[in-house]
Amino acid sequence: MDRLPIDREVQHLTLSEQTRSRIDREVAKYPADQKQSAVIASLTIVQREQGWISPAAERAVADYLGMPAIAVHEVVTFYNMFNTQPVGRFKLNVCTNLPCALSGGTSALKHLCDRLGVAPGETTADGLFTVQETECLGACGDAPAMLVNDQRLCSFMGPERLDSLIEQLRDEAAKGESK
């Protein structure tokens, strides 16, 4: 892993007023003594703004929520929806858990990587695509399944559908459409 261990000194990050305001709205949903319950929502806000969760962002969220930095780090590294390094404009998570693997998930991952010229976990040279292997997406009946930018579930992703998706995403990027 290329990240610094959490107990090392990390660069200080100050959350913007807008970020703190958004986090405060999430914190308000919980009892006053349980603001750490908003950790996932807080990390999601930071990631949407910065594109990934750096060690400095982990520390800033921990400080703001009054919780140990290691507890925030555990959340970030447990859930694959959090990016622990910069990713491409389109993060493509391909499920290779057993039901998807039996229905072509491993082949789908290989096809994507071959088509884009990257290995799992890498980003294309143009910065458009990051391909990642992921655990169950809860769409076993639609296998092989994948997730685009942690929001868009795609089903039955054989080679033709994968090629079509890549072209569609390239077109979106060329038109300047948002994630």
Protein backbone atom coordinates (compact mmCIF):
# COMPACT_ATOMS: atom_id res chain seq x y z
CA MET A 1 0.00 0.00 0.00
CA ASP A 2 1.41 3.36 -0.95
CA ARG A 3 -0.39 5.33 1.77
CA LEU A 4 1.37 6.53 4.89
CA PRO A 5 0.45 4.63 8.05
CA ILE A 6 -2.18 6.55 9.96
CA ASP A 7 0.06 7.13 12.98
CA ARG A 8 2.66 9.06 10.95
CA GLU A 9 2.47 12.80 10.71
CA VAL A 10 0.27 13.81 7.82
CA GLN A 11 -0.11 17.13 6.11
CA HIS A 12 -2.76 19.24 7.83
CA LEU A 13 -6.00 19.83 5.97
CA THR A 14 -8.56 22.40 6.98
CA LEU A 15 -12.13 21.66 6.00
CA SER A 16 -13.74 24.55 4.16
CA GLU A 17 -16.69 26.42 5.66
CA GLN A 18 -18.96 24.88 3.02
CA THR A 19 -17.72 21.37 3.87
CA ARG A 20 -18.16 21.93 7.60
CA SER A 21 -21.68 23.24 6.97
CA ARG A 22 -22.60 20.16 4.95
CA ILE A 23 -21.10 17.86 7.60
CA ASP A 24 -22.97 19.77 10.32
CA ARG A 25 -26.27 18.98 8.55
CA GLU A 26 -25.36 15.28 8.68
CA VAL A 27 -24.22 15.45 12.31
CA ALA A 28 -27.55 17.07 13.26
CA LYS A 29 -29.31 13.83 12.35
CA TYR A 30 -27.79 12.08 15.38
CA PRO A 31 -27.84 12.66 19.14
CA ALA A 32 -25.31 15.30 20.22
CA ASP A 33 -23.05 12.75 21.90
CA GLN A 34 -22.95 10.53 18.79
CA LYS A 35 -21.64 12.82 16.08
CA GLN A 36 -19.17 10.13 14.99
CA SER A 37 -22.20 8.35 13.53
CA ALA A 38 -21.93 10.81 10.64
CA VAL A 39 -18.48 9.54 9.64
CA ILE A 40 -19.57 7.84 6.40
CA ALA A 41 -21.64 10.83 5.31
CA SER A 42 -18.75 13.16 6.20
CA LEU A 43 -16.24 11.13 4.23
CA THR A 44 -18.62 11.02 1.28
CA ILE A 45 -18.88 14.82 1.33
CA VAL A 46 -15.10 15.21 1.42
CA GLN A 47 -14.61 12.67 -1.37
CA ARG A 48 -17.18 14.37 -3.61
CA GLU A 49 -15.29 17.61 -3.22
CA GLN A 50 -11.74 16.29 -3.48
CA GLY A 51 -12.14 13.08 -5.51
CA TRP A 52 -10.48 10.90 -2.91
CA ILE A 53 -9.76 10.60 0.82
CA SER A 54 -6.17 11.51 1.62
CA PRO A 55 -4.57 10.76 4.99
CA ALA A 56 -4.87 14.50 5.72
CA ALA A 57 -8.61 14.37 4.93
CA GLU A 58 -9.01 11.37 7.24
CA ARG A 59 -7.34 13.33 10.04
CA ALA A 60 -9.45 16.44 9.37
CA VAL A 61 -12.71 14.43 9.51
CA ALA A 62 -11.54 12.65 12.66
CA ASP A 63 -10.69 15.95 14.34
CA TYR A 64 -13.97 17.53 13.28
CA LEU A 65 -16.05 14.61 14.54
CA GLY A 66 -13.97 14.18 17.70
CA MET A 67 -12.94 10.62 17.03
CA PRO A 68 -9.61 8.78 16.76
CA ALA A 69 -7.94 9.05 13.36
CA ILE A 70 -7.51 5.27 13.25
CA ALA A 71 -11.30 4.84 13.51
CA VAL A 72 -11.79 7.03 10.43
CA HIS A 73 -8.99 5.17 8.63
CA GLU A 74 -10.74 1.86 9.38
CA VAL A 75 -13.93 3.15 7.77
CA VAL A 76 -12.09 4.47 4.71
CA THR A 77 -10.22 1.22 4.13
CA PHE A 78 -13.19 -1.07 4.86
CA TYR A 79 -15.57 0.34 2.25
CA ASN A 80 -14.52 0.21 -1.40
CA MET A 81 -16.63 3.29 -2.15
CA PHE A 82 -13.88 5.42 -0.63
CA ASN A 83 -10.91 6.15 -2.84
CA THR A 84 -7.60 6.02 -0.97
CA GLN A 85 -5.78 7.50 -3.94
CA PRO A 86 -6.80 9.67 -6.86
CA VAL A 87 -8.97 7.87 -9.44
CA GLY A 88 -10.06 8.55 -12.98
CA ARG A 89 -13.17 10.45 -13.90
CA PHE A 90 -14.97 7.12 -14.19
CA LYS A 91 -14.29 4.52 -11.53
CA LEU A 92 -15.37 1.12 -12.82
CA ASN A 93 -15.86 -1.48 -10.07
CA VAL A 94 -16.31 -4.97 -11.48
CA CYS A 95 -17.71 -7.62 -9.16
CA THR A 96 -15.69 -10.83 -9.13
CA ASN A 97 -17.37 -12.42 -6.13
CA LEU A 98 -18.53 -16.01 -6.71
CA PRO A 99 -21.92 -15.47 -8.44
CA CYS A 100 -20.47 -12.84 -10.77
CA ALA A 101 -17.27 -14.83 -11.30
CA LEU A 102 -19.32 -17.87 -12.31
CA SER A 103 -21.26 -15.70 -14.76
CA GLY A 104 -18.26 -13.99 -16.35
CA GLY A 105 -17.20 -11.33 -13.84
CA THR A 106 -13.54 -12.31 -13.98
CA SER A 107 -13.68 -12.29 -17.78
CA ALA A 108 -15.41 -8.90 -17.70
CA LEU A 109 -12.64 -7.48 -15.52
CA LYS A 110 -9.99 -8.87 -17.87
CA HIS A 111 -11.85 -7.52 -20.92
CA LEU A 112 -12.06 -4.02 -19.42
CA CYS A 113 -8.41 -4.02 -18.41
CA ASP A 114 -7.29 -5.28 -21.83
CA ARG A 115 -9.51 -2.77 -23.64
CA LEU A 116 -8.26 0.15 -21.54
CA GLY A 117 -4.63 -0.99 -21.25
CA VAL A 118 -4.51 -1.04 -17.46
CA ALA A 119 -4.26 -3.60 -14.67
CA PRO A 120 -6.88 -3.78 -11.92
CA GLY A 121 -6.44 -0.77 -9.63
CA GLU A 122 -4.82 1.37 -12.31
CA THR A 123 -5.97 4.50 -14.10
CA THR A 124 -5.72 5.08 -17.84
CA ALA A 125 -3.07 7.54 -19.04
CA ASP A 126 -5.79 10.03 -20.07
CA GLY A 127 -7.19 10.01 -16.52
CA LEU A 128 -10.64 8.89 -17.65
CA PHE A 129 -10.94 5.38 -16.25
CA THR A 130 -9.87 3.54 -13.12
CA VAL A 131 -10.72 -0.17 -13.12
CA GLN A 132 -11.13 -1.94 -9.80
CA GLU A 133 -12.08 -5.43 -8.73
CA THR A 134 -14.79 -5.33 -6.09
CA GLU A 135 -16.71 -7.55 -3.77
CA CYS A 136 -20.42 -8.30 -4.02
CA LEU A 137 -22.59 -5.50 -5.33
CA GLY A 138 -25.80 -7.26 -4.31
CA ALA A 139 -26.92 -7.81 -7.89
CA CYS A 140 -26.13 -11.52 -8.20
CA GLY A 141 -29.15 -12.13 -10.44
CA ASP A 142 -27.74 -9.57 -12.90
CA ALA A 143 -24.23 -11.04 -13.03
CA PRO A 144 -21.75 -10.02 -14.06
CA ALA A 145 -22.42 -6.69 -12.43
CA MET A 146 -20.37 -3.53 -12.12
CA LEU A 147 -20.68 -0.09 -10.59
CA VAL A 148 -19.73 3.20 -12.26
CA ASN A 149 -18.60 5.94 -9.88
CA ASP A 150 -20.15 4.15 -6.90
CA GLN A 151 -23.63 5.14 -8.12
CA ARG A 152 -24.64 3.52 -11.39
CA LEU A 153 -25.20 -0.24 -11.32
CA CYS A 154 -24.70 -2.00 -14.65
CA SER A 155 -25.98 -5.53 -15.23
CA PHE A 156 -25.13 -8.45 -17.53
CA MET A 157 -21.80 -6.88 -18.47
CA GLY A 158 -20.48 -9.06 -21.25
CA PRO A 159 -17.88 -7.82 -23.77
CA GLU A 160 -20.37 -6.02 -26.03
CA ARG A 161 -22.05 -4.18 -23.17
CA LEU A 162 -18.65 -3.27 -21.70
CA ASP A 163 -17.46 -1.87 -25.03
CA SER A 164 -20.69 0.11 -25.38
CA LEU A 165 -20.36 1.50 -21.85
CA ILE A 166 -16.77 2.61 -22.47
CA GLU A 167 -17.82 4.45 -25.63
CA GLN A 168 -20.79 6.05 -23.84
CA LEU A 169 -18.55 7.25 -21.01
CA ARG A 170 -15.95 8.59 -23.47
CA ASP A 171 -18.77 10.51 -25.21
CA GLU A 172 -19.96 11.93 -21.87
CA ALA A 173 -16.42 13.05 -21.07
CA ALA A 174 -16.00 14.64 -24.51
CA LYS A 175 -19.26 16.55 -24.10
CA GLY A 176 -18.16 17.73 -20.68
CA GLU A 177 -21.07 16.05 -18.91
CA SER A 178 -20.69 15.73 -15.16
CA LYS A 179 -20.06 12.55 -13.28
